[in-house]
N, C-alpha and C. Protein backbone atom coordinates (compact mmCIF):
# COMPACT_ATOMS: atom_id res chain seq x y z
N MET A 1 -17.99 13.23 -17.06
CA MET A 1 -17.82 13.50 -15.64
C MET A 1 -17.07 14.82 -15.45
N ASN A 2 -17.63 15.74 -14.63
CA ASN A 2 -16.92 16.98 -14.38
C ASN A 2 -16.05 16.86 -13.13
N VAL A 3 -15.30 17.90 -12.84
CA VAL A 3 -14.36 17.85 -11.72
C VAL A 3 -15.09 17.65 -10.39
N THR A 4 -16.20 18.36 -10.20
CA THR A 4 -16.96 18.22 -8.96
C THR A 4 -17.41 16.78 -8.74
N GLU A 5 -17.86 16.13 -9.80
CA GLU A 5 -18.27 14.73 -9.70
C GLU A 5 -17.11 13.82 -9.38
N ALA A 6 -15.95 14.10 -9.97
CA ALA A 6 -14.76 13.28 -9.70
C ALA A 6 -14.33 13.43 -8.25
N VAL A 7 -14.36 14.65 -7.73
CA VAL A 7 -14.00 14.89 -6.34
C VAL A 7 -14.95 14.14 -5.41
N ALA A 8 -16.24 14.15 -5.73
CA ALA A 8 -17.24 13.50 -4.89
C ALA A 8 -17.10 11.98 -4.93
N ARG A 9 -16.74 11.42 -6.07
CA ARG A 9 -16.63 9.97 -6.19
C ARG A 9 -15.34 9.44 -5.57
N ARG A 10 -14.27 10.23 -5.58
CA ARG A 10 -12.99 9.73 -5.09
C ARG A 10 -13.03 9.44 -3.60
N ILE A 11 -12.77 8.20 -3.25
CA ILE A 11 -12.57 7.81 -1.86
C ILE A 11 -11.38 6.87 -1.83
N SER A 12 -10.87 6.60 -0.64
CA SER A 12 -9.76 5.67 -0.50
C SER A 12 -10.31 4.24 -0.57
N ILE A 13 -9.98 3.54 -1.65
CA ILE A 13 -10.46 2.18 -1.86
C ILE A 13 -9.47 1.19 -1.25
N ARG A 14 -10.00 0.24 -0.48
CA ARG A 14 -9.13 -0.72 0.21
C ARG A 14 -9.46 -2.17 -0.12
N ALA A 15 -10.09 -2.37 -1.27
CA ALA A 15 -10.32 -3.71 -1.81
C ALA A 15 -10.53 -3.56 -3.31
N PHE A 16 -9.64 -4.17 -4.09
CA PHE A 16 -9.66 -3.99 -5.54
C PHE A 16 -9.95 -5.30 -6.28
N LYS A 17 -10.45 -5.16 -7.49
CA LYS A 17 -10.58 -6.30 -8.39
C LYS A 17 -9.21 -6.63 -8.98
N PRO A 18 -9.01 -7.87 -9.43
CA PRO A 18 -7.69 -8.26 -9.94
C PRO A 18 -7.37 -7.72 -11.33
N GLU A 19 -8.39 -7.35 -12.11
CA GLU A 19 -8.14 -6.89 -13.47
C GLU A 19 -7.27 -5.63 -13.47
N ALA A 20 -6.32 -5.59 -14.38
CA ALA A 20 -5.38 -4.47 -14.42
C ALA A 20 -5.65 -3.55 -15.61
N PRO A 21 -5.56 -2.24 -15.41
CA PRO A 21 -5.61 -1.31 -16.54
C PRO A 21 -4.35 -1.48 -17.39
N SER A 22 -4.44 -1.10 -18.62
CA SER A 22 -3.28 -1.23 -19.50
C SER A 22 -2.18 -0.24 -19.13
N GLY A 23 -0.97 -0.57 -19.54
CA GLY A 23 0.14 0.36 -19.32
C GLY A 23 -0.10 1.68 -20.01
N ALA A 24 -0.78 1.64 -21.16
CA ALA A 24 -1.05 2.87 -21.90
C ALA A 24 -1.96 3.79 -21.10
N VAL A 25 -2.97 3.23 -20.43
CA VAL A 25 -3.88 4.04 -19.63
C VAL A 25 -3.16 4.62 -18.42
N VAL A 26 -2.34 3.81 -17.76
CA VAL A 26 -1.59 4.29 -16.59
C VAL A 26 -0.66 5.43 -17.00
N ARG A 27 0.04 5.25 -18.10
CA ARG A 27 0.94 6.31 -18.56
C ARG A 27 0.16 7.57 -18.92
N GLU A 28 -0.99 7.40 -19.56
CA GLU A 28 -1.82 8.55 -19.92
C GLU A 28 -2.20 9.36 -18.69
N ILE A 29 -2.58 8.68 -17.62
CA ILE A 29 -2.95 9.36 -16.38
C ILE A 29 -1.75 10.11 -15.79
N LEU A 30 -0.63 9.43 -15.71
CA LEU A 30 0.56 10.03 -15.10
C LEU A 30 1.06 11.22 -15.91
N GLU A 31 1.00 11.12 -17.23
CA GLU A 31 1.44 12.23 -18.08
C GLU A 31 0.48 13.41 -17.99
N ALA A 32 -0.81 13.12 -18.01
CA ALA A 32 -1.79 14.21 -17.93
C ALA A 32 -1.69 14.93 -16.60
N ALA A 33 -1.38 14.18 -15.53
CA ALA A 33 -1.27 14.79 -14.19
C ALA A 33 -0.10 15.75 -14.09
N ALA A 34 0.85 15.66 -14.99
CA ALA A 34 2.01 16.56 -14.95
C ALA A 34 1.63 18.00 -15.24
N ARG A 35 0.36 18.26 -15.59
CA ARG A 35 -0.11 19.63 -15.70
C ARG A 35 -0.43 20.22 -14.33
N ALA A 36 -0.28 19.44 -13.28
CA ALA A 36 -0.48 19.95 -11.92
C ALA A 36 0.49 21.11 -11.68
N PRO A 37 0.09 22.09 -10.86
CA PRO A 37 0.96 23.24 -10.61
C PRO A 37 2.14 22.89 -9.71
N SER A 38 3.22 23.62 -9.90
CA SER A 38 4.37 23.50 -8.99
C SER A 38 5.08 24.84 -8.98
N GLY A 39 5.51 25.27 -7.79
CA GLY A 39 6.18 26.56 -7.65
C GLY A 39 7.41 26.64 -8.54
N GLY A 40 7.48 27.70 -9.34
CA GLY A 40 8.63 27.87 -10.23
C GLY A 40 8.68 26.82 -11.33
N ASN A 41 7.60 26.08 -11.50
CA ASN A 41 7.55 24.99 -12.48
C ASN A 41 8.67 23.97 -12.26
N LEU A 42 8.98 23.71 -10.97
CA LEU A 42 10.06 22.75 -10.68
C LEU A 42 9.68 21.32 -11.04
N GLN A 43 8.38 21.02 -11.05
CA GLN A 43 7.93 19.66 -11.36
C GLN A 43 8.75 18.63 -10.56
N PRO A 44 8.62 18.67 -9.23
CA PRO A 44 9.54 17.89 -8.39
C PRO A 44 9.25 16.40 -8.34
N TRP A 45 8.20 15.93 -9.00
CA TRP A 45 7.81 14.53 -8.87
C TRP A 45 8.68 13.59 -9.70
N ARG A 46 8.89 12.42 -9.14
CA ARG A 46 9.47 11.28 -9.86
C ARG A 46 8.58 10.10 -9.53
N VAL A 47 8.05 9.43 -10.55
CA VAL A 47 6.98 8.45 -10.34
C VAL A 47 7.35 7.10 -10.96
N TYR A 48 7.00 6.05 -10.23
CA TYR A 48 7.22 4.69 -10.70
C TYR A 48 5.90 3.93 -10.63
N ALA A 49 5.58 3.19 -11.67
CA ALA A 49 4.37 2.36 -11.71
C ALA A 49 4.78 0.90 -11.85
N LEU A 50 4.30 0.06 -10.95
CA LEU A 50 4.62 -1.36 -10.95
C LEU A 50 3.36 -2.19 -11.15
N ALA A 51 3.50 -3.26 -11.93
CA ALA A 51 2.42 -4.21 -12.14
C ALA A 51 3.06 -5.58 -12.40
N GLY A 52 2.24 -6.60 -12.50
CA GLY A 52 2.75 -7.92 -12.86
C GLY A 52 3.80 -8.44 -11.91
N GLN A 53 4.85 -9.05 -12.47
CA GLN A 53 5.88 -9.69 -11.66
C GLN A 53 6.67 -8.71 -10.79
N PRO A 54 7.06 -7.53 -11.31
CA PRO A 54 7.76 -6.59 -10.42
C PRO A 54 6.95 -6.23 -9.18
N LEU A 55 5.63 -6.08 -9.34
CA LEU A 55 4.78 -5.77 -8.19
C LEU A 55 4.71 -6.98 -7.26
N ALA A 56 4.58 -8.17 -7.81
CA ALA A 56 4.51 -9.38 -6.99
C ALA A 56 5.81 -9.58 -6.21
N ASP A 57 6.94 -9.30 -6.83
CA ASP A 57 8.23 -9.45 -6.14
C ASP A 57 8.33 -8.48 -4.97
N LEU A 58 7.87 -7.26 -5.17
CA LEU A 58 7.91 -6.27 -4.09
C LEU A 58 7.01 -6.70 -2.94
N LYS A 59 5.81 -7.17 -3.24
CA LYS A 59 4.89 -7.62 -2.20
C LYS A 59 5.50 -8.74 -1.38
N ALA A 60 6.20 -9.65 -2.03
CA ALA A 60 6.82 -10.77 -1.33
C ALA A 60 7.88 -10.29 -0.35
N LYS A 61 8.66 -9.30 -0.75
CA LYS A 61 9.69 -8.76 0.14
C LYS A 61 9.07 -8.06 1.34
N VAL A 62 7.98 -7.36 1.12
CA VAL A 62 7.31 -6.68 2.22
C VAL A 62 6.71 -7.70 3.18
N ALA A 63 6.11 -8.75 2.64
CA ALA A 63 5.51 -9.79 3.48
C ALA A 63 6.55 -10.47 4.35
N ALA A 64 7.77 -10.55 3.85
CA ALA A 64 8.85 -11.19 4.60
C ALA A 64 9.43 -10.28 5.68
N ASN A 65 9.04 -9.01 5.67
CA ASN A 65 9.55 -8.04 6.65
C ASN A 65 8.38 -7.22 7.18
N PRO A 66 7.48 -7.84 7.96
CA PRO A 66 6.25 -7.16 8.39
C PRO A 66 6.47 -5.96 9.30
N PHE A 67 7.65 -5.86 9.92
CA PHE A 67 7.90 -4.75 10.84
C PHE A 67 8.46 -3.51 10.13
N GLY A 68 8.79 -3.66 8.86
CA GLY A 68 9.24 -2.51 8.09
C GLY A 68 10.65 -2.07 8.42
N GLU A 69 10.98 -0.89 7.94
CA GLU A 69 12.31 -0.30 8.11
C GLU A 69 12.18 1.05 8.81
N THR A 70 13.28 1.71 9.01
CA THR A 70 13.24 3.03 9.65
C THR A 70 12.72 4.06 8.64
N PRO A 71 11.58 4.69 8.92
CA PRO A 71 11.04 5.69 7.98
C PRO A 71 11.98 6.89 7.86
N GLU A 72 11.91 7.55 6.72
CA GLU A 72 12.75 8.73 6.51
C GLU A 72 12.05 10.01 6.96
N TYR A 73 10.78 9.89 7.34
CA TYR A 73 10.06 11.05 7.87
C TYR A 73 8.88 10.54 8.68
N ASP A 74 8.36 11.39 9.56
CA ASP A 74 7.19 11.05 10.36
C ASP A 74 5.93 11.37 9.55
N VAL A 75 5.11 10.35 9.34
CA VAL A 75 3.85 10.58 8.62
C VAL A 75 2.95 11.51 9.42
N TYR A 76 2.93 11.34 10.74
CA TYR A 76 2.18 12.23 11.63
C TYR A 76 3.13 12.82 12.66
N PRO A 77 2.89 14.04 13.12
CA PRO A 77 3.73 14.61 14.17
C PRO A 77 3.62 13.77 15.45
N PRO A 78 4.69 13.69 16.22
CA PRO A 78 4.61 12.98 17.50
C PRO A 78 3.59 13.65 18.42
N ASN A 79 2.94 12.83 19.24
CA ASN A 79 1.96 13.35 20.22
C ASN A 79 0.92 14.23 19.54
N LEU A 80 0.27 13.69 18.53
CA LEU A 80 -0.72 14.42 17.76
C LEU A 80 -1.78 15.05 18.67
N TRP A 81 -2.15 16.28 18.41
CA TRP A 81 -3.06 17.04 19.27
C TRP A 81 -4.41 17.22 18.56
N ASP A 82 -5.39 17.66 19.33
CA ASP A 82 -6.72 17.90 18.76
C ASP A 82 -6.77 19.22 18.00
N PRO A 83 -7.58 19.29 16.94
CA PRO A 83 -8.59 18.31 16.55
C PRO A 83 -8.07 17.16 15.69
N PHE A 84 -6.77 17.20 15.36
CA PHE A 84 -6.21 16.21 14.45
C PHE A 84 -6.22 14.80 15.04
N ARG A 85 -5.92 14.71 16.34
CA ARG A 85 -5.90 13.40 16.99
C ARG A 85 -7.28 12.76 16.93
N THR A 86 -8.31 13.53 17.25
CA THR A 86 -9.67 12.99 17.26
C THR A 86 -10.10 12.58 15.86
N ARG A 87 -9.76 13.37 14.86
CA ARG A 87 -10.13 13.03 13.48
C ARG A 87 -9.48 11.72 13.06
N ARG A 88 -8.20 11.58 13.38
CA ARG A 88 -7.50 10.34 13.00
C ARG A 88 -8.09 9.14 13.74
N PHE A 89 -8.35 9.30 15.02
CA PHE A 89 -8.90 8.21 15.82
C PHE A 89 -10.26 7.78 15.27
N GLN A 90 -11.12 8.75 15.00
CA GLN A 90 -12.46 8.43 14.53
C GLN A 90 -12.42 7.76 13.16
N ASN A 91 -11.51 8.21 12.31
CA ASN A 91 -11.40 7.60 10.99
C ASN A 91 -11.00 6.14 11.10
N GLY A 92 -10.07 5.85 12.02
CA GLY A 92 -9.66 4.46 12.24
C GLY A 92 -10.80 3.61 12.77
N GLU A 93 -11.56 4.17 13.72
CA GLU A 93 -12.69 3.43 14.29
C GLU A 93 -13.74 3.16 13.22
N ASP A 94 -14.02 4.14 12.37
CA ASP A 94 -15.01 3.96 11.32
C ASP A 94 -14.55 2.90 10.31
N LEU A 95 -13.26 2.91 10.01
CA LEU A 95 -12.73 1.93 9.05
C LEU A 95 -12.91 0.51 9.57
N TYR A 96 -12.46 0.27 10.81
CA TYR A 96 -12.55 -1.09 11.34
C TYR A 96 -14.00 -1.50 11.60
N ALA A 97 -14.85 -0.55 11.93
CA ALA A 97 -16.27 -0.87 12.12
C ALA A 97 -16.90 -1.34 10.81
N SER A 98 -16.44 -0.80 9.68
CA SER A 98 -17.02 -1.16 8.39
C SER A 98 -16.78 -2.63 8.04
N ILE A 99 -15.76 -3.23 8.66
CA ILE A 99 -15.46 -4.64 8.40
C ILE A 99 -15.60 -5.49 9.66
N GLY A 100 -16.26 -4.93 10.67
CA GLY A 100 -16.61 -5.70 11.85
C GLY A 100 -15.45 -6.12 12.72
N ILE A 101 -14.42 -5.30 12.81
CA ILE A 101 -13.28 -5.62 13.67
C ILE A 101 -13.33 -4.72 14.91
N PRO A 102 -13.60 -5.30 16.09
CA PRO A 102 -13.67 -4.48 17.30
C PRO A 102 -12.29 -4.01 17.73
N ARG A 103 -12.28 -2.98 18.56
CA ARG A 103 -11.02 -2.38 19.00
C ARG A 103 -10.12 -3.37 19.72
N GLU A 104 -10.72 -4.30 20.47
CA GLU A 104 -9.91 -5.23 21.26
C GLU A 104 -9.30 -6.36 20.43
N ASP A 105 -9.73 -6.51 19.17
CA ASP A 105 -9.18 -7.57 18.32
C ASP A 105 -7.96 -7.04 17.57
N LYS A 106 -6.86 -6.88 18.30
CA LYS A 106 -5.65 -6.29 17.71
C LYS A 106 -5.04 -7.14 16.61
N PRO A 107 -5.03 -8.50 16.73
CA PRO A 107 -4.49 -9.30 15.61
C PRO A 107 -5.22 -9.04 14.30
N ALA A 108 -6.55 -8.93 14.37
CA ALA A 108 -7.32 -8.67 13.14
C ALA A 108 -7.00 -7.28 12.58
N ARG A 109 -6.81 -6.33 13.46
CA ARG A 109 -6.46 -4.98 13.00
C ARG A 109 -5.08 -4.96 12.34
N LEU A 110 -4.17 -5.73 12.90
CA LEU A 110 -2.84 -5.80 12.31
C LEU A 110 -2.88 -6.49 10.95
N ARG A 111 -3.73 -7.50 10.81
CA ARG A 111 -3.87 -8.17 9.52
C ARG A 111 -4.43 -7.20 8.47
N GLN A 112 -5.37 -6.38 8.90
CA GLN A 112 -5.91 -5.39 7.96
C GLN A 112 -4.85 -4.36 7.59
N LEU A 113 -4.08 -3.92 8.58
CA LEU A 113 -3.00 -2.96 8.30
C LEU A 113 -2.01 -3.53 7.29
N ALA A 114 -1.71 -4.83 7.43
CA ALA A 114 -0.74 -5.47 6.54
C ALA A 114 -1.21 -5.48 5.09
N LYS A 115 -2.52 -5.33 4.86
CA LYS A 115 -3.02 -5.33 3.49
C LYS A 115 -2.52 -4.11 2.72
N ASN A 116 -2.05 -3.09 3.44
CA ASN A 116 -1.40 -1.96 2.77
C ASN A 116 -0.22 -2.44 1.94
N GLY A 117 0.53 -3.39 2.50
CA GLY A 117 1.71 -3.92 1.81
C GLY A 117 1.38 -4.75 0.60
N GLU A 118 0.10 -5.08 0.43
CA GLU A 118 -0.38 -5.80 -0.75
C GLU A 118 -1.09 -4.85 -1.71
N PHE A 119 -1.02 -3.54 -1.42
CA PHE A 119 -1.77 -2.54 -2.20
C PHE A 119 -3.25 -2.88 -2.22
N PHE A 120 -3.72 -3.53 -1.16
CA PHE A 120 -5.13 -3.91 -1.06
C PHE A 120 -5.57 -4.72 -2.28
N SER A 121 -4.63 -5.54 -2.79
CA SER A 121 -4.86 -6.40 -3.97
C SER A 121 -5.02 -5.61 -5.26
N ALA A 122 -4.67 -4.35 -5.27
CA ALA A 122 -4.74 -3.57 -6.51
C ALA A 122 -3.72 -4.12 -7.51
N PRO A 123 -4.03 -4.08 -8.80
CA PRO A 123 -3.12 -4.61 -9.81
C PRO A 123 -1.98 -3.68 -10.18
N VAL A 124 -2.06 -2.42 -9.72
CA VAL A 124 -1.01 -1.44 -10.02
C VAL A 124 -0.62 -0.73 -8.74
N GLY A 125 0.68 -0.62 -8.52
CA GLY A 125 1.20 0.14 -7.39
C GLY A 125 2.03 1.31 -7.91
N LEU A 126 1.74 2.51 -7.41
CA LEU A 126 2.48 3.71 -7.81
C LEU A 126 3.33 4.18 -6.65
N PHE A 127 4.51 4.73 -6.98
CA PHE A 127 5.37 5.32 -5.96
C PHE A 127 5.76 6.73 -6.39
N PHE A 128 5.66 7.65 -5.44
CA PHE A 128 5.92 9.06 -5.69
C PHE A 128 7.15 9.48 -4.88
N CYS A 129 8.15 9.98 -5.56
CA CYS A 129 9.44 10.30 -4.94
C CYS A 129 9.86 11.71 -5.33
N LEU A 130 10.85 12.22 -4.61
CA LEU A 130 11.40 13.54 -4.95
C LEU A 130 12.82 13.67 -4.44
N ASP A 131 13.52 14.66 -4.98
CA ASP A 131 14.91 14.91 -4.59
C ASP A 131 14.98 15.25 -3.11
N ARG A 132 15.94 14.66 -2.41
CA ARG A 132 16.07 14.87 -0.97
C ARG A 132 16.33 16.32 -0.59
N LYS A 133 16.91 17.09 -1.47
CA LYS A 133 17.29 18.47 -1.13
C LYS A 133 16.12 19.43 -1.24
N LEU A 134 15.02 18.97 -1.80
CA LEU A 134 13.85 19.83 -1.92
C LEU A 134 13.15 19.98 -0.57
N GLY A 135 12.36 21.04 -0.42
CA GLY A 135 11.76 21.36 0.87
C GLY A 135 10.25 21.24 0.90
N PRO A 136 9.63 21.70 2.00
CA PRO A 136 8.17 21.58 2.16
C PRO A 136 7.34 22.12 0.99
N PRO A 137 7.72 23.25 0.36
CA PRO A 137 6.91 23.70 -0.77
C PRO A 137 6.84 22.66 -1.89
N GLN A 138 7.96 21.97 -2.14
CA GLN A 138 7.97 20.97 -3.20
C GLN A 138 7.22 19.70 -2.77
N TRP A 139 7.21 19.41 -1.46
CA TRP A 139 6.40 18.29 -0.97
C TRP A 139 4.92 18.58 -1.25
N SER A 140 4.51 19.84 -1.05
CA SER A 140 3.11 20.19 -1.32
C SER A 140 2.82 20.11 -2.82
N ASP A 141 3.80 20.46 -3.65
CA ASP A 141 3.63 20.33 -5.10
C ASP A 141 3.42 18.86 -5.48
N LEU A 142 4.18 17.98 -4.85
CA LEU A 142 4.03 16.55 -5.12
C LEU A 142 2.64 16.07 -4.69
N GLY A 143 2.13 16.61 -3.58
CA GLY A 143 0.78 16.28 -3.14
C GLY A 143 -0.26 16.70 -4.16
N MET A 144 -0.07 17.88 -4.78
CA MET A 144 -1.01 18.32 -5.81
C MET A 144 -0.94 17.42 -7.03
N TYR A 145 0.26 16.96 -7.36
CA TYR A 145 0.39 16.01 -8.46
C TYR A 145 -0.38 14.73 -8.16
N MET A 146 -0.23 14.21 -6.93
CA MET A 146 -0.93 12.98 -6.55
C MET A 146 -2.44 13.16 -6.61
N GLN A 147 -2.92 14.29 -6.13
CA GLN A 147 -4.37 14.56 -6.18
C GLN A 147 -4.85 14.57 -7.62
N THR A 148 -4.07 15.15 -8.51
CA THR A 148 -4.44 15.20 -9.92
C THR A 148 -4.49 13.79 -10.50
N VAL A 149 -3.53 12.95 -10.13
CA VAL A 149 -3.55 11.55 -10.56
C VAL A 149 -4.85 10.87 -10.12
N MET A 150 -5.23 11.09 -8.87
CA MET A 150 -6.42 10.43 -8.34
C MET A 150 -7.68 10.87 -9.07
N LEU A 151 -7.80 12.15 -9.37
CA LEU A 151 -8.99 12.64 -10.06
C LEU A 151 -9.03 12.18 -11.52
N LEU A 152 -7.88 12.12 -12.17
CA LEU A 152 -7.83 11.62 -13.54
C LEU A 152 -8.16 10.14 -13.58
N ALA A 153 -7.76 9.40 -12.54
CA ALA A 153 -8.11 7.98 -12.46
C ALA A 153 -9.63 7.82 -12.36
N VAL A 154 -10.26 8.63 -11.50
CA VAL A 154 -11.72 8.57 -11.36
C VAL A 154 -12.40 8.87 -12.68
N GLU A 155 -11.90 9.85 -13.40
CA GLU A 155 -12.48 10.20 -14.70
C GLU A 155 -12.50 9.01 -15.64
N ARG A 156 -11.52 8.14 -15.51
CA ARG A 156 -11.41 6.96 -16.37
C ARG A 156 -12.05 5.71 -15.75
N GLY A 157 -12.83 5.91 -14.69
CA GLY A 157 -13.52 4.80 -14.07
C GLY A 157 -12.69 3.99 -13.11
N LEU A 158 -11.48 4.45 -12.82
CA LEU A 158 -10.58 3.74 -11.92
C LEU A 158 -10.65 4.33 -10.51
N ASP A 159 -10.01 3.64 -9.58
CA ASP A 159 -10.01 4.07 -8.18
C ASP A 159 -8.59 4.00 -7.62
N THR A 160 -8.40 4.68 -6.49
CA THR A 160 -7.07 4.75 -5.89
C THR A 160 -7.14 4.71 -4.37
N CYS A 161 -5.99 4.52 -3.77
CA CYS A 161 -5.82 4.74 -2.34
C CYS A 161 -4.41 5.25 -2.12
N ALA A 162 -4.27 6.50 -1.72
CA ALA A 162 -2.96 7.05 -1.40
C ALA A 162 -2.46 6.39 -0.11
N GLN A 163 -1.18 6.00 -0.09
CA GLN A 163 -0.66 5.20 1.02
C GLN A 163 0.70 5.72 1.50
N GLU A 164 0.68 6.56 2.53
CA GLU A 164 1.94 6.94 3.15
C GLU A 164 2.49 5.80 4.00
N TYR A 165 1.73 4.73 4.10
CA TYR A 165 2.21 3.48 4.72
C TYR A 165 3.57 3.09 4.16
N TRP A 166 3.77 3.34 2.88
CA TRP A 166 5.01 2.91 2.23
C TRP A 166 6.24 3.65 2.73
N ALA A 167 6.04 4.71 3.50
CA ALA A 167 7.19 5.38 4.12
C ALA A 167 7.92 4.43 5.06
N ARG A 168 7.26 3.33 5.46
CA ARG A 168 7.86 2.33 6.34
C ARG A 168 8.84 1.42 5.59
N TYR A 169 8.87 1.51 4.27
CA TYR A 169 9.71 0.61 3.47
C TYR A 169 10.57 1.39 2.46
N PRO A 170 11.31 2.40 2.93
CA PRO A 170 12.07 3.22 1.97
C PRO A 170 13.16 2.44 1.24
N GLN A 171 13.86 1.55 1.93
CA GLN A 171 14.95 0.80 1.30
C GLN A 171 14.42 -0.25 0.33
N THR A 172 13.38 -0.95 0.75
CA THR A 172 12.82 -1.99 -0.10
C THR A 172 12.28 -1.41 -1.40
N VAL A 173 11.55 -0.31 -1.30
CA VAL A 173 11.01 0.32 -2.50
C VAL A 173 12.13 0.89 -3.37
N ALA A 174 13.12 1.52 -2.74
CA ALA A 174 14.23 2.09 -3.50
C ALA A 174 14.93 1.02 -4.33
N GLN A 175 15.12 -0.15 -3.75
CA GLN A 175 15.75 -1.25 -4.48
C GLN A 175 14.86 -1.75 -5.61
N ALA A 176 13.55 -1.81 -5.34
CA ALA A 176 12.62 -2.34 -6.33
C ALA A 176 12.54 -1.47 -7.57
N VAL A 177 12.64 -0.15 -7.40
CA VAL A 177 12.48 0.77 -8.54
C VAL A 177 13.81 1.37 -8.99
N ASN A 178 14.90 0.96 -8.33
CA ASN A 178 16.23 1.50 -8.63
C ASN A 178 16.24 3.02 -8.47
N LEU A 179 15.75 3.47 -7.32
CA LEU A 179 15.65 4.90 -7.03
C LEU A 179 17.04 5.50 -6.83
N PRO A 180 17.35 6.61 -7.48
CA PRO A 180 18.65 7.24 -7.26
C PRO A 180 18.86 7.61 -5.79
N GLU A 181 20.07 7.55 -5.31
CA GLU A 181 20.35 7.79 -3.90
C GLU A 181 19.99 9.20 -3.47
N ASP A 182 20.00 10.16 -4.40
CA ASP A 182 19.68 11.54 -4.03
C ASP A 182 18.17 11.79 -4.01
N HIS A 183 17.37 10.73 -4.19
CA HIS A 183 15.92 10.85 -4.12
C HIS A 183 15.38 10.02 -2.96
N MET A 184 14.21 10.41 -2.47
CA MET A 184 13.57 9.67 -1.39
C MET A 184 12.12 9.36 -1.74
N LEU A 185 11.62 8.30 -1.13
CA LEU A 185 10.23 7.90 -1.31
C LEU A 185 9.33 8.77 -0.44
N PHE A 186 8.26 9.29 -1.02
CA PHE A 186 7.28 10.04 -0.25
C PHE A 186 6.04 9.19 0.04
N SER A 187 5.45 8.61 -0.98
CA SER A 187 4.19 7.89 -0.78
C SER A 187 3.98 6.86 -1.87
N GLY A 188 3.13 5.89 -1.58
CA GLY A 188 2.66 4.95 -2.57
C GLY A 188 1.20 5.22 -2.88
N MET A 189 0.68 4.51 -3.86
CA MET A 189 -0.74 4.63 -4.21
C MET A 189 -1.20 3.36 -4.91
N ALA A 190 -2.30 2.81 -4.45
CA ALA A 190 -2.93 1.68 -5.12
C ALA A 190 -3.82 2.20 -6.24
N LEU A 191 -3.83 1.48 -7.38
CA LEU A 191 -4.62 1.90 -8.54
C LEU A 191 -5.29 0.69 -9.18
N GLY A 192 -6.56 0.81 -9.45
CA GLY A 192 -7.29 -0.27 -10.10
C GLY A 192 -8.78 0.00 -10.05
N TRP A 193 -9.57 -1.07 -10.14
CA TRP A 193 -11.02 -0.93 -10.05
C TRP A 193 -11.51 -1.43 -8.70
N ARG A 194 -12.38 -0.69 -8.07
CA ARG A 194 -12.88 -1.07 -6.76
C ARG A 194 -13.73 -2.34 -6.82
N ASP A 195 -13.65 -3.12 -5.75
CA ASP A 195 -14.53 -4.26 -5.56
C ASP A 195 -15.79 -3.74 -4.89
N GLU A 196 -16.85 -3.61 -5.66
CA GLU A 196 -18.09 -3.02 -5.15
C GLU A 196 -18.71 -3.86 -4.04
N SER A 197 -18.37 -5.15 -3.97
CA SER A 197 -18.97 -6.03 -2.97
C SER A 197 -18.25 -6.00 -1.63
N ALA A 198 -17.10 -5.35 -1.55
CA ALA A 198 -16.31 -5.33 -0.32
C ALA A 198 -16.88 -4.31 0.67
N PRO A 199 -17.24 -4.73 1.87
CA PRO A 199 -17.82 -3.81 2.87
C PRO A 199 -16.92 -2.62 3.17
N ILE A 200 -15.61 -2.81 3.16
CA ILE A 200 -14.70 -1.72 3.53
C ILE A 200 -14.79 -0.56 2.55
N ASN A 201 -15.25 -0.85 1.33
CA ASN A 201 -15.37 0.21 0.33
C ASN A 201 -16.64 1.05 0.49
N THR A 202 -17.44 0.72 1.49
CA THR A 202 -18.60 1.57 1.80
C THR A 202 -18.20 2.74 2.69
N LEU A 203 -16.99 2.68 3.25
CA LEU A 203 -16.55 3.75 4.15
C LEU A 203 -16.35 5.06 3.39
N ARG A 204 -16.96 6.08 3.91
CA ARG A 204 -16.76 7.43 3.37
C ARG A 204 -16.40 8.31 4.55
N SER A 205 -15.14 8.69 4.63
CA SER A 205 -14.67 9.43 5.80
C SER A 205 -15.39 10.76 5.93
N SER A 206 -15.58 11.18 7.18
CA SER A 206 -16.34 12.41 7.45
C SER A 206 -15.50 13.65 7.18
N ARG A 207 -16.16 14.77 7.03
CA ARG A 207 -15.50 16.05 6.86
C ARG A 207 -16.17 17.06 7.80
N ASP A 208 -15.37 17.88 8.44
CA ASP A 208 -15.92 18.94 9.29
C ASP A 208 -16.63 19.98 8.43
N PRO A 209 -17.65 20.64 8.97
CA PRO A 209 -18.33 21.69 8.20
C PRO A 209 -17.40 22.88 7.96
N PHE A 210 -17.74 23.64 6.95
CA PHE A 210 -16.93 24.79 6.54
C PHE A 210 -16.64 25.74 7.70
N GLU A 211 -17.62 25.92 8.58
CA GLU A 211 -17.47 26.88 9.68
C GLU A 211 -16.34 26.52 10.62
N VAL A 212 -15.93 25.26 10.66
CA VAL A 212 -14.84 24.82 11.54
C VAL A 212 -13.49 25.30 11.03
N TRP A 213 -13.33 25.34 9.71
CA TRP A 213 -11.98 25.60 9.17
C TRP A 213 -11.91 26.73 8.14
N GLY A 214 -13.05 27.35 7.83
CA GLY A 214 -13.02 28.38 6.79
C GLY A 214 -13.74 29.66 7.19
N GLU A 215 -13.36 30.76 6.56
CA GLU A 215 -14.00 32.05 6.77
C GLU A 215 -14.11 32.78 5.45
N LEU A 216 -15.18 33.52 5.29
CA LEU A 216 -15.35 34.41 4.14
C LEU A 216 -15.37 35.84 4.66
N LYS A 217 -14.55 36.72 4.08
CA LYS A 217 -14.52 38.12 4.53
C LYS A 217 -14.59 39.02 3.30
N GLY A 218 -15.34 40.09 3.41
CA GLY A 218 -15.42 41.07 2.36
C GLY A 218 -16.41 40.74 1.26
N PHE A 219 -17.21 39.68 1.42
CA PHE A 219 -18.20 39.32 0.44
C PHE A 219 -19.56 39.92 0.80
N GLU A 220 -20.39 40.14 -0.22
CA GLU A 220 -21.75 40.66 0.01
C GLU A 220 -22.59 39.59 0.71
């Protein structure tokens, strides 16, 4: 599988099989991803992988606190504007349509949202953290590391779902992984094998054409 194929296959999976990859495979992915670029080679990422009982214990704590905690950052800017607002809205509508949940069925939508706290039944949960004193450039470096993890997972036949949902549980996650106080949680990620029979995994989010967001200048 080449990089283009991995990029094309990678989608956000929201229903996983119970079988778990080995710890050796997970470590291999995380170590290989450390070749991701970072400004000044700061390598700002700190990563935790949970499976088995530690993961089950964390899920139980989240289930007992469905309203979450005070996030340490806004996942989206307040009063999101277009075209970003429309893109987010449409993505949500497409997701719920894939599993037959109408807009007016808010309880069903909330139940689906809560599946984030179960890592969508994935057997491995990853958490990506960084030093609190680092700034936006290092946050982007961490994003590149996460993208590299996702593509390396695809190369090995695995699937992922990046989840900034976990920003709602900074204290719970910090306790679960014994995160140093000078570090903060940025995002979680589900890792495992996709359930091919799950309708929600047929969703492939749309992308705007190149002309909307890109320009070429000075080319023949």
